[in-house]
N, C-alpha and C. Protein backbone atom coordinates (compact mmCIF):
# COMPACT_ATOMS: atom_id res chain seq x y z
N MET A 1 6.41 -38.74 -14.01
CA MET A 1 7.02 -39.47 -12.76
C MET A 1 7.56 -40.71 -13.07
N GLU A 2 8.76 -40.99 -12.50
CA GLU A 2 9.46 -42.31 -12.70
C GLU A 2 8.57 -43.32 -12.11
N PRO A 3 8.87 -44.68 -12.72
CA PRO A 3 8.37 -45.86 -11.99
C PRO A 3 8.99 -45.88 -10.51
N MET A 4 8.18 -46.29 -9.53
CA MET A 4 8.59 -46.44 -8.18
C MET A 4 9.93 -47.12 -8.04
N SER A 5 10.05 -48.22 -8.85
CA SER A 5 11.38 -48.82 -8.54
C SER A 5 12.58 -48.05 -8.89
N GLU A 6 12.56 -47.27 -9.95
CA GLU A 6 13.53 -46.31 -10.21
C GLU A 6 13.76 -45.19 -9.13
N ILE A 7 12.68 -44.69 -8.64
CA ILE A 7 12.64 -43.68 -7.46
C ILE A 7 13.38 -44.45 -6.41
N TYR A 8 12.97 -45.61 -6.03
CA TYR A 8 13.43 -46.29 -4.85
C TYR A 8 15.00 -46.48 -5.14
N GLN A 9 15.52 -46.89 -6.14
CA GLN A 9 16.98 -47.13 -6.47
C GLN A 9 17.71 -45.71 -6.44
N ARG A 10 17.10 -44.67 -6.86
CA ARG A 10 17.66 -43.33 -6.82
C ARG A 10 17.76 -42.79 -5.45
N TYR A 11 16.83 -43.00 -4.54
CA TYR A 11 16.82 -42.18 -3.27
C TYR A 11 16.90 -43.12 -2.00
N ALA A 12 16.71 -44.42 -2.17
CA ALA A 12 16.78 -45.16 -0.99
C ALA A 12 18.19 -45.05 -0.16
N ASP A 13 19.34 -44.96 -0.69
CA ASP A 13 20.47 -44.87 0.00
C ASP A 13 20.58 -43.58 0.86
N GLU A 14 20.13 -42.53 0.22
CA GLU A 14 20.05 -41.30 0.87
C GLU A 14 19.16 -41.16 2.08
N VAL A 15 17.95 -41.73 1.82
CA VAL A 15 16.91 -41.85 3.07
C VAL A 15 17.55 -42.68 4.04
N LYS A 16 18.17 -43.74 3.76
CA LYS A 16 18.66 -44.66 4.71
C LYS A 16 19.79 -44.06 5.55
N ARG A 17 20.82 -43.34 4.88
CA ARG A 17 21.73 -42.65 5.46
C ARG A 17 21.35 -41.62 6.48
N PHE A 18 20.27 -40.79 6.16
CA PHE A 18 19.62 -39.92 7.00
C PHE A 18 18.97 -40.52 8.14
N LEU A 19 18.41 -41.78 8.02
CA LEU A 19 17.81 -42.45 9.00
C LEU A 19 18.78 -43.05 10.06
N VAL A 20 19.96 -43.63 9.51
CA VAL A 20 20.91 -44.14 10.41
C VAL A 20 21.46 -43.10 11.20
N CYS A 21 21.71 -41.89 10.68
CA CYS A 21 22.22 -40.81 11.45
C CYS A 21 21.17 -40.42 12.52
N LEU A 22 19.90 -40.50 12.13
CA LEU A 22 18.89 -39.96 13.03
C LEU A 22 18.60 -40.98 14.12
N THR A 23 18.66 -42.39 13.94
CA THR A 23 18.29 -43.26 14.81
C THR A 23 19.56 -43.96 15.57
N GLY A 24 20.74 -44.04 14.79
CA GLY A 24 21.99 -44.59 15.22
C GLY A 24 21.68 -46.11 15.30
N ASP A 25 20.69 -46.50 14.49
CA ASP A 25 20.40 -47.95 14.37
C ASP A 25 20.20 -48.33 12.91
N LEU A 26 21.00 -49.38 12.64
CA LEU A 26 21.05 -49.71 11.11
C LEU A 26 19.75 -50.48 10.88
N ASP A 27 19.35 -51.31 11.77
CA ASP A 27 18.15 -52.26 11.46
C ASP A 27 16.96 -51.37 11.47
N LEU A 28 16.84 -50.37 12.37
CA LEU A 28 15.75 -49.56 12.46
C LEU A 28 15.71 -48.64 11.27
N ALA A 29 16.86 -48.28 10.91
CA ALA A 29 16.82 -47.28 9.68
C ALA A 29 16.32 -48.02 8.39
N GLU A 30 16.76 -49.25 8.28
CA GLU A 30 16.36 -50.14 7.05
C GLU A 30 14.84 -50.32 7.21
N GLU A 31 14.22 -50.45 8.25
CA GLU A 31 12.88 -50.65 8.39
C GLU A 31 12.18 -49.48 8.09
N LEU A 32 12.62 -48.46 8.66
CA LEU A 32 11.96 -47.09 8.24
C LEU A 32 12.16 -46.62 6.92
N THR A 33 13.12 -47.01 6.29
CA THR A 33 13.40 -46.67 4.84
C THR A 33 12.34 -47.25 4.10
N GLN A 34 12.16 -48.58 4.24
CA GLN A 34 11.02 -49.40 3.60
C GLN A 34 9.68 -48.74 3.63
N GLU A 35 9.36 -48.27 5.01
CA GLU A 35 8.15 -47.71 5.38
C GLU A 35 8.09 -46.40 4.84
N THR A 36 9.23 -45.55 4.72
CA THR A 36 9.10 -44.33 4.05
C THR A 36 8.64 -44.33 2.60
N PHE A 37 9.12 -45.34 1.90
CA PHE A 37 8.78 -45.49 0.48
C PHE A 37 7.26 -46.02 0.39
N TYR A 38 6.92 -46.83 1.31
CA TYR A 38 5.43 -47.41 1.34
C TYR A 38 4.62 -46.06 1.58
N GLN A 39 4.86 -45.31 2.43
CA GLN A 39 4.11 -44.10 2.77
C GLN A 39 4.12 -43.11 1.73
N ALA A 40 5.25 -42.96 0.94
CA ALA A 40 5.39 -42.12 -0.18
C ALA A 40 4.47 -42.59 -1.35
N VAL A 41 4.46 -43.80 -1.58
CA VAL A 41 3.54 -44.29 -2.64
C VAL A 41 1.95 -43.96 -2.31
N LYS A 42 1.70 -44.22 -1.03
CA LYS A 42 0.28 -43.87 -0.53
C LYS A 42 0.03 -42.43 -0.65
N SER A 43 0.94 -41.47 -0.52
CA SER A 43 0.65 -40.11 -0.44
C SER A 43 1.41 -39.23 -1.51
N ILE A 44 1.64 -40.04 -2.60
CA ILE A 44 2.28 -39.31 -3.68
C ILE A 44 1.52 -38.16 -4.24
N GLY A 45 0.04 -38.28 -4.13
CA GLY A 45 -0.70 -37.15 -4.62
C GLY A 45 -0.49 -35.79 -3.78
N ARG A 46 0.02 -35.97 -2.70
CA ARG A 46 0.28 -34.70 -1.91
C ARG A 46 1.63 -34.08 -2.13
N TYR A 47 2.55 -34.76 -3.01
CA TYR A 47 3.60 -34.15 -3.28
C TYR A 47 3.55 -33.00 -4.43
N ASN A 48 3.85 -31.73 -3.94
CA ASN A 48 3.42 -30.57 -4.80
C ASN A 48 4.61 -30.17 -5.58
N GLY A 49 5.85 -30.67 -5.44
CA GLY A 49 7.09 -30.22 -6.15
C GLY A 49 7.50 -28.85 -5.71
N THR A 50 7.27 -28.34 -4.60
CA THR A 50 7.91 -27.22 -4.06
C THR A 50 9.19 -27.38 -3.38
N CYS A 51 9.54 -28.51 -3.11
CA CYS A 51 10.91 -29.07 -2.64
C CYS A 51 11.45 -30.11 -3.33
N LYS A 52 12.67 -30.40 -3.27
CA LYS A 52 13.23 -31.60 -3.97
C LYS A 52 12.59 -32.90 -3.54
N PHE A 53 12.48 -33.86 -4.37
CA PHE A 53 11.80 -35.15 -3.97
C PHE A 53 12.51 -35.91 -2.83
N SER A 54 13.81 -35.76 -2.67
CA SER A 54 14.65 -36.30 -1.68
C SER A 54 14.32 -35.60 -0.26
N VAL A 55 14.14 -34.29 -0.28
CA VAL A 55 13.69 -33.55 0.89
C VAL A 55 12.34 -34.12 1.37
N TRP A 56 11.39 -34.28 0.35
CA TRP A 56 10.05 -34.61 0.73
C TRP A 56 10.14 -36.16 1.40
N LEU A 57 11.00 -36.95 0.85
CA LEU A 57 11.14 -38.42 1.42
C LEU A 57 11.77 -38.22 2.74
N CYS A 58 12.78 -37.46 3.01
CA CYS A 58 13.28 -37.20 4.33
C CYS A 58 12.33 -36.84 5.29
N GLN A 59 11.37 -36.00 4.90
CA GLN A 59 10.45 -35.41 5.73
C GLN A 59 9.52 -36.51 6.24
N ILE A 60 9.08 -37.47 5.29
CA ILE A 60 8.41 -38.59 5.61
C ILE A 60 9.04 -39.49 6.74
N ALA A 61 10.41 -39.75 6.23
CA ALA A 61 11.16 -40.57 7.19
C ALA A 61 11.31 -39.87 8.50
N LYS A 62 11.48 -38.66 8.67
CA LYS A 62 11.50 -37.89 9.85
C LYS A 62 10.38 -38.17 10.79
N HIS A 63 9.09 -38.07 10.07
CA HIS A 63 7.97 -38.13 10.85
C HIS A 63 7.76 -39.56 11.32
N LEU A 64 8.05 -40.71 10.46
CA LEU A 64 7.96 -42.04 10.84
C LEU A 64 8.95 -42.31 12.04
N TYR A 65 10.10 -41.76 12.06
CA TYR A 65 11.07 -41.84 13.19
C TYR A 65 10.40 -41.41 14.45
N TRP A 66 9.81 -40.15 14.40
CA TRP A 66 8.97 -39.56 15.45
C TRP A 66 8.01 -40.53 16.13
N ASP A 67 7.25 -41.15 15.09
CA ASP A 67 6.21 -41.95 15.55
C ASP A 67 6.67 -43.16 16.22
N GLU A 68 7.98 -43.69 15.72
CA GLU A 68 8.54 -44.77 16.39
C GLU A 68 9.08 -44.47 17.85
N LEU A 69 9.47 -43.24 18.02
CA LEU A 69 9.83 -42.76 19.37
C LEU A 69 8.78 -42.83 20.31
N LYS A 70 7.62 -42.32 19.65
CA LYS A 70 6.29 -42.25 20.57
C LYS A 70 5.97 -43.67 21.11
N ARG A 71 6.01 -44.56 19.91
CA ARG A 71 5.52 -45.93 20.30
C ARG A 71 6.50 -46.52 21.30
N ARG A 72 7.86 -46.34 21.18
CA ARG A 72 8.88 -46.90 22.12
C ARG A 72 8.63 -46.20 23.50
N ARG A 73 8.21 -45.02 23.77
CA ARG A 73 8.00 -44.43 25.03
C ARG A 73 6.83 -45.14 25.50
N ARG A 74 5.85 -45.56 24.90
CA ARG A 74 4.70 -46.16 25.42
C ARG A 74 5.09 -47.67 25.81
N HIS A 75 6.07 -48.18 25.12
CA HIS A 75 6.54 -49.61 25.25
C HIS A 75 7.97 -49.76 25.44
N PRO A 76 8.48 -49.20 26.47
CA PRO A 76 10.01 -49.14 26.60
C PRO A 76 10.64 -50.62 26.68
N GLU A 77 11.81 -50.73 26.03
CA GLU A 77 12.57 -51.87 26.05
C GLU A 77 13.71 -51.81 27.20
N LEU A 78 14.23 -52.88 27.39
CA LEU A 78 15.16 -52.96 28.50
C LEU A 78 16.44 -52.21 28.06
N SER A 79 17.10 -51.50 29.01
CA SER A 79 18.41 -50.71 28.68
C SER A 79 19.57 -51.65 28.90
N VAL A 80 20.67 -51.35 28.72
CA VAL A 80 21.88 -51.99 28.75
C VAL A 80 22.11 -52.16 30.39
N GLU A 81 21.85 -51.21 31.05
CA GLU A 81 22.06 -51.30 32.53
C GLU A 81 21.06 -52.30 33.16
N ALA A 82 19.78 -52.40 32.65
CA ALA A 82 18.86 -53.26 33.12
C ALA A 82 19.27 -54.71 32.74
N MET A 83 19.86 -54.99 31.60
CA MET A 83 20.43 -56.27 31.29
C MET A 83 21.47 -56.63 32.22
N ALA A 84 22.30 -55.65 32.42
CA ALA A 84 23.50 -56.09 33.40
C ALA A 84 23.05 -56.41 34.67
N GLN A 85 21.99 -55.73 35.27
CA GLN A 85 21.53 -56.02 36.38
C GLN A 85 20.65 -57.34 36.49
N ALA A 86 20.19 -57.86 35.43
CA ALA A 86 19.43 -59.10 35.21
C ALA A 86 20.32 -60.16 34.96
N GLY A 87 21.71 -59.95 34.79
CA GLY A 87 22.71 -60.93 34.77
C GLY A 87 23.05 -61.26 33.34
N GLU A 88 22.64 -60.40 32.30
CA GLU A 88 23.07 -60.58 30.94
C GLU A 88 24.51 -60.33 30.79
N GLU A 89 25.13 -61.02 29.95
CA GLU A 89 26.69 -61.00 29.94
C GLU A 89 26.93 -59.95 28.86
N LEU A 90 27.63 -58.98 29.26
CA LEU A 90 28.09 -57.90 28.31
C LEU A 90 29.62 -58.15 27.95
N PRO A 91 29.97 -57.59 26.86
CA PRO A 91 31.38 -57.89 26.27
C PRO A 91 32.40 -57.27 27.16
N ASP A 92 33.41 -57.80 27.27
CA ASP A 92 34.56 -57.35 28.32
C ASP A 92 35.41 -56.33 27.39
N PRO A 93 35.50 -55.18 27.69
CA PRO A 93 36.10 -54.15 26.96
C PRO A 93 37.78 -54.43 26.97
N GLN A 94 38.23 -55.04 27.92
CA GLN A 94 39.69 -55.37 28.07
C GLN A 94 40.04 -56.25 26.96
N GLN A 95 39.22 -57.10 26.29
CA GLN A 95 39.53 -58.01 25.27
C GLN A 95 39.68 -57.31 24.01
N LEU A 96 39.44 -56.04 23.86
CA LEU A 96 39.61 -55.31 22.63
C LEU A 96 41.03 -54.73 22.61
N PRO A 97 41.72 -54.61 21.43
CA PRO A 97 42.95 -53.82 21.41
C PRO A 97 42.75 -52.42 21.83
N GLU A 98 43.72 -51.82 22.55
CA GLU A 98 43.65 -50.48 22.89
C GLU A 98 43.42 -49.32 21.88
N ILE A 99 43.95 -49.61 20.75
CA ILE A 99 43.67 -48.58 19.64
C ILE A 99 42.19 -48.61 19.24
N SER A 100 41.76 -49.86 19.11
CA SER A 100 40.30 -49.97 18.75
C SER A 100 39.44 -49.42 19.83
N LEU A 101 39.80 -49.44 21.04
CA LEU A 101 39.02 -49.02 22.03
C LEU A 101 39.03 -47.36 22.14
N LEU A 102 40.18 -46.80 21.90
CA LEU A 102 40.26 -45.48 21.73
C LEU A 102 39.55 -44.83 20.69
N ARG A 103 39.56 -45.44 19.45
CA ARG A 103 38.84 -45.10 18.29
C ARG A 103 37.20 -45.16 18.63
N ARG A 104 36.90 -46.41 19.20
CA ARG A 104 35.64 -46.59 19.63
C ARG A 104 34.89 -45.49 20.63
N ASP A 105 35.79 -45.17 21.55
CA ASP A 105 35.44 -44.12 22.56
C ASP A 105 35.17 -42.78 21.92
N SER A 106 36.14 -42.44 20.87
CA SER A 106 36.00 -41.08 20.23
C SER A 106 34.57 -41.20 19.50
N CYS A 107 34.32 -42.32 18.80
CA CYS A 107 33.04 -42.43 17.93
C CYS A 107 31.91 -42.30 18.78
N VAL A 108 31.94 -43.04 19.96
CA VAL A 108 30.87 -43.03 20.93
C VAL A 108 30.57 -41.67 21.41
N SER A 109 31.69 -40.99 21.85
CA SER A 109 31.51 -39.58 22.44
C SER A 109 30.81 -38.72 21.29
N ILE A 110 31.34 -38.75 20.05
CA ILE A 110 30.75 -37.91 18.97
C ILE A 110 29.32 -38.36 18.92
N HIS A 111 29.03 -39.43 18.62
CA HIS A 111 27.71 -39.99 18.37
C HIS A 111 26.62 -39.49 19.65
N LYS A 112 27.29 -39.67 20.87
CA LYS A 112 26.54 -39.57 22.02
C LYS A 112 26.32 -37.98 22.03
N ALA A 113 27.17 -37.09 21.71
CA ALA A 113 27.04 -35.54 21.72
C ALA A 113 25.98 -35.19 20.67
N ILE A 114 26.09 -35.84 19.44
CA ILE A 114 25.06 -35.49 18.40
C ILE A 114 23.68 -35.88 18.91
N HIS A 115 23.58 -37.06 19.55
CA HIS A 115 22.13 -37.43 19.89
C HIS A 115 21.64 -36.85 21.22
N GLU A 116 22.49 -36.19 21.91
CA GLU A 116 22.14 -35.46 23.14
C GLU A 116 21.62 -33.95 22.72
N LEU A 117 21.86 -33.55 21.53
CA LEU A 117 21.24 -32.20 21.06
C LEU A 117 19.81 -32.19 21.11
N ARG A 118 19.18 -31.07 21.37
CA ARG A 118 17.88 -30.99 21.21
C ARG A 118 17.44 -30.84 19.76
N GLU A 119 16.07 -31.02 19.36
CA GLU A 119 15.74 -30.85 18.18
C GLU A 119 15.39 -29.36 18.10
N PRO A 120 15.67 -28.69 16.87
CA PRO A 120 15.91 -29.20 15.66
C PRO A 120 17.33 -29.17 15.29
N TYR A 121 18.17 -28.94 16.41
CA TYR A 121 19.64 -28.92 16.23
C TYR A 121 20.12 -30.10 15.65
N ARG A 122 19.98 -31.40 16.23
CA ARG A 122 20.30 -32.50 15.94
C ARG A 122 20.02 -32.91 14.38
N GLU A 123 18.83 -32.63 14.19
CA GLU A 123 18.20 -33.05 12.69
C GLU A 123 18.92 -32.08 11.74
N ILE A 124 19.13 -30.98 11.98
CA ILE A 124 19.75 -29.91 10.98
C ILE A 124 21.07 -30.29 10.77
N PHE A 125 21.90 -30.68 11.89
CA PHE A 125 23.28 -31.14 11.66
C PHE A 125 23.39 -32.51 10.81
N LEU A 126 22.51 -33.36 11.12
CA LEU A 126 22.36 -34.71 10.33
C LEU A 126 22.03 -34.42 8.88
N LEU A 127 21.08 -33.60 8.66
CA LEU A 127 20.72 -33.31 7.28
C LEU A 127 21.91 -32.63 6.46
N ARG A 128 22.59 -31.79 7.18
CA ARG A 128 23.55 -31.00 6.51
C ARG A 128 24.77 -31.90 6.17
N VAL A 129 25.26 -32.60 7.18
CA VAL A 129 26.48 -33.38 7.18
C VAL A 129 26.42 -34.70 6.40
N LEU A 130 25.18 -35.45 6.62
CA LEU A 130 25.14 -36.73 6.16
C LEU A 130 24.37 -36.71 4.80
N SER A 131 23.28 -35.98 4.85
CA SER A 131 22.52 -36.00 3.67
C SER A 131 22.95 -35.04 2.63
N ASP A 132 23.97 -34.03 3.11
CA ASP A 132 24.57 -33.06 2.13
C ASP A 132 23.47 -32.20 1.56
N LEU A 133 22.46 -31.81 2.30
CA LEU A 133 21.50 -30.77 1.97
C LEU A 133 21.92 -29.44 2.00
N SER A 134 21.49 -28.65 1.11
CA SER A 134 21.73 -27.24 1.22
C SER A 134 20.94 -26.48 2.39
N PHE A 135 21.35 -25.28 2.67
CA PHE A 135 20.74 -24.62 3.77
C PHE A 135 19.22 -24.30 3.23
N ARG A 136 19.15 -24.03 1.97
CA ARG A 136 17.85 -23.71 1.54
C ARG A 136 16.92 -24.91 1.67
N GLU A 137 17.45 -26.15 1.30
CA GLU A 137 16.69 -27.39 1.47
C GLU A 137 16.29 -27.65 2.90
N ILE A 138 17.18 -27.47 3.76
CA ILE A 138 16.90 -27.58 5.15
C ILE A 138 15.99 -26.70 5.75
N GLY A 139 15.88 -25.43 5.36
CA GLY A 139 15.05 -24.48 5.54
C GLY A 139 13.65 -24.84 5.10
N GLU A 140 13.58 -25.37 3.98
CA GLU A 140 12.23 -25.84 3.30
C GLU A 140 11.71 -26.91 4.18
N ILE A 141 12.57 -27.95 4.68
CA ILE A 141 11.95 -28.86 5.47
C ILE A 141 11.43 -28.47 6.82
N PHE A 142 11.95 -27.48 7.35
CA PHE A 142 11.34 -26.89 8.59
C PHE A 142 10.44 -25.70 8.40
N ASP A 143 10.12 -25.44 7.16
CA ASP A 143 9.29 -24.21 6.83
C ASP A 143 9.85 -23.00 7.41
N ARG A 144 11.23 -22.81 7.27
CA ARG A 144 11.90 -21.68 7.60
C ARG A 144 12.84 -21.09 6.52
N THR A 145 13.54 -20.06 6.85
CA THR A 145 14.33 -19.60 5.79
C THR A 145 15.82 -20.28 5.58
N GLU A 146 16.30 -19.96 4.70
CA GLU A 146 17.82 -20.48 4.34
C GLU A 146 18.80 -20.00 5.50
N ASN A 147 18.63 -18.61 5.93
CA ASN A 147 19.39 -18.06 6.83
C ASN A 147 19.24 -18.69 8.27
N TRP A 148 17.95 -19.01 8.66
CA TRP A 148 17.68 -19.58 9.91
C TRP A 148 18.34 -21.10 9.92
N ALA A 149 18.40 -21.75 8.78
CA ALA A 149 19.17 -23.03 8.84
C ALA A 149 20.60 -22.81 8.95
N ARG A 150 21.16 -21.84 8.28
CA ARG A 150 22.58 -21.47 8.35
C ARG A 150 22.93 -21.16 9.90
N VAL A 151 22.14 -20.30 10.56
CA VAL A 151 22.48 -19.81 11.91
C VAL A 151 22.32 -21.11 12.86
N THR A 152 21.18 -21.80 12.61
CA THR A 152 20.99 -22.98 13.45
C THR A 152 22.13 -23.96 13.40
N TYR A 153 22.60 -24.09 12.16
CA TYR A 153 23.67 -25.24 12.00
C TYR A 153 25.06 -24.71 12.52
N TYR A 154 25.21 -23.46 12.60
CA TYR A 154 26.61 -22.83 13.12
C TYR A 154 26.41 -22.95 14.64
N ARG A 155 25.25 -22.77 15.19
CA ARG A 155 25.06 -22.79 16.56
C ARG A 155 25.16 -24.38 17.23
N THR A 156 24.74 -25.20 16.30
CA THR A 156 24.95 -26.74 16.53
C THR A 156 26.45 -27.04 16.51
N LYS A 157 27.13 -26.57 15.56
CA LYS A 157 28.51 -26.77 15.75
C LYS A 157 29.27 -26.43 16.79
N VAL A 158 28.86 -25.08 17.36
CA VAL A 158 29.53 -24.52 18.51
C VAL A 158 28.99 -25.54 19.73
N MET A 159 27.83 -25.92 19.81
CA MET A 159 27.42 -26.68 20.98
C MET A 159 28.06 -28.11 20.93
N LEU A 160 28.30 -28.69 19.75
CA LEU A 160 29.06 -29.96 19.75
C LEU A 160 30.53 -29.80 20.06
N ALA A 161 31.08 -28.69 19.57
CA ALA A 161 32.55 -28.51 20.07
C ALA A 161 32.62 -28.49 21.55
N GLU A 162 31.79 -27.77 22.20
CA GLU A 162 31.79 -27.45 23.60
C GLU A 162 31.54 -28.73 24.29
N ARG A 163 30.57 -29.57 23.79
CA ARG A 163 30.45 -30.77 24.51
C ARG A 163 31.46 -31.84 24.45
N LEU A 164 32.20 -31.85 23.15
CA LEU A 164 33.42 -32.65 22.93
C LEU A 164 34.51 -32.24 23.83
N GLU A 165 34.68 -30.96 24.00
CA GLU A 165 35.91 -30.38 24.80
C GLU A 165 35.51 -30.80 26.25
N GLU A 166 34.41 -30.77 26.69
CA GLU A 166 34.07 -31.21 28.06
C GLU A 166 34.51 -32.63 28.31
N ASP A 167 34.21 -33.46 27.30
CA ASP A 167 34.59 -34.80 27.40
C ASP A 167 36.13 -35.04 27.39
């Protein structure tokens, strides 16, 4: 096994990209990436080599994110709407150039559509598109078959296309 610093250098970006897509929050993704490697060190004895090491790390990251979601449900933070009602100043969209606004709206629509997907559709889409995992690897993460991953990914693309057409 390679020293942990080499493992971190090799896989940290991939884990972070996966978490950025999953969370939509760069700061949280960076925090969870660090925690992923900490947990990996603690549980390295449980890695049995049946899947790629990067897949194993993404599984740890996914579970850490789910734990974070549970924690946030117990301790909710203020939403943008609540801040606006409390008198917090929000940026004025009219100050932005029109082109930038259109591009931002498109990105927001896509991001929103992805994050409105139910699990496992959202996660499968992100694993395939951003982490560039094969269907076999995605199937391994979910303890399912490669064919299941292919079909679920196809259904996810159809759902996304329908949602984006509605917008």
